[in-house]
Protein backbone atom coordinates (compact mmCIF):
# COMPACT_ATOMS: atom_id res chain seq x y z
CA MET A 1 -49.98 21.26 9.82
CA ASP A 2 -51.64 24.57 10.32
CA THR A 3 -51.41 26.96 7.37
CA HIS A 4 -50.19 29.83 9.54
CA LEU A 5 -47.44 27.65 10.97
CA MET A 6 -46.29 26.63 7.48
CA ILE A 7 -46.23 30.28 6.38
CA GLY A 8 -44.28 31.22 9.51
CA VAL A 9 -41.70 28.49 8.88
CA ALA A 10 -41.34 29.60 5.25
CA VAL A 11 -40.82 33.23 6.30
CA MET A 12 -38.22 32.24 8.89
CA LEU A 13 -36.31 30.10 6.36
CA GLY A 14 -36.43 32.97 3.89
CA LEU A 15 -35.01 35.41 6.45
CA ILE A 16 -32.25 32.96 7.36
CA GLY A 17 -31.41 32.56 3.65
CA ILE A 18 -31.28 36.33 3.13
CA ALA A 19 -29.00 36.79 6.16
CA ALA A 20 -26.68 33.99 4.99
CA SER A 21 -26.43 35.32 1.44
CA ARG A 22 -25.68 38.85 2.67
CA ASP A 23 -22.93 37.48 4.90
CA LEU A 24 -21.40 35.49 2.03
CA LEU A 25 -21.53 38.48 -0.32
CA ARG A 26 -19.86 40.69 2.30
CA ARG A 27 -17.06 38.15 2.77
CA LEU A 28 -16.49 37.87 -0.99
CA ARG A 29 -16.34 41.64 -1.34
CA GLU A 30 -13.74 41.94 1.44
CA GLN A 31 -11.51 39.25 -0.09
CA GLN A 32 -11.01 41.03 -3.40
CA PRO A 33 -7.32 41.51 -4.14
CA GLN A 34 -6.00 45.00 -3.52
CA LEU A 35 -3.77 46.76 -6.02
CA VAL A 36 -0.18 47.24 -4.86
CA PRO A 37 2.07 49.92 -6.35
CA ILE A 38 5.10 48.50 -8.19
CA LYS A 39 8.21 50.50 -8.97
CA VAL A 40 9.42 50.15 -12.55
CA GLU A 41 12.87 51.20 -13.65
CA ARG A 42 12.94 52.79 -17.10
CA PRO A 43 15.88 53.79 -19.28
CA ALA A 44 16.89 57.43 -18.90
CA ASP A 45 15.91 58.51 -22.43
CA LEU A 46 14.80 56.26 -25.28
CA SER A 47 15.58 58.85 -27.98
CA THR A 48 19.31 58.89 -27.09
CA GLN A 49 19.48 55.09 -27.22
CA ARG A 50 18.06 55.06 -30.78
CA ARG A 51 20.56 57.64 -31.98
CA ASP A 52 23.51 55.64 -30.63
CA ARG A 53 22.72 52.67 -32.93
């Protein structure tokens, strides 16, 4: 094969690889779990509970 053709094929494969890896990285970044606020019920006052014992 011609040297220029081989170089052209290598460049094209490299560009395809770069595009594919960028796409995969973008998908992984979008799929990260998002934090969700959770309501927690706490006792009214811990100091009054200790005194009652």
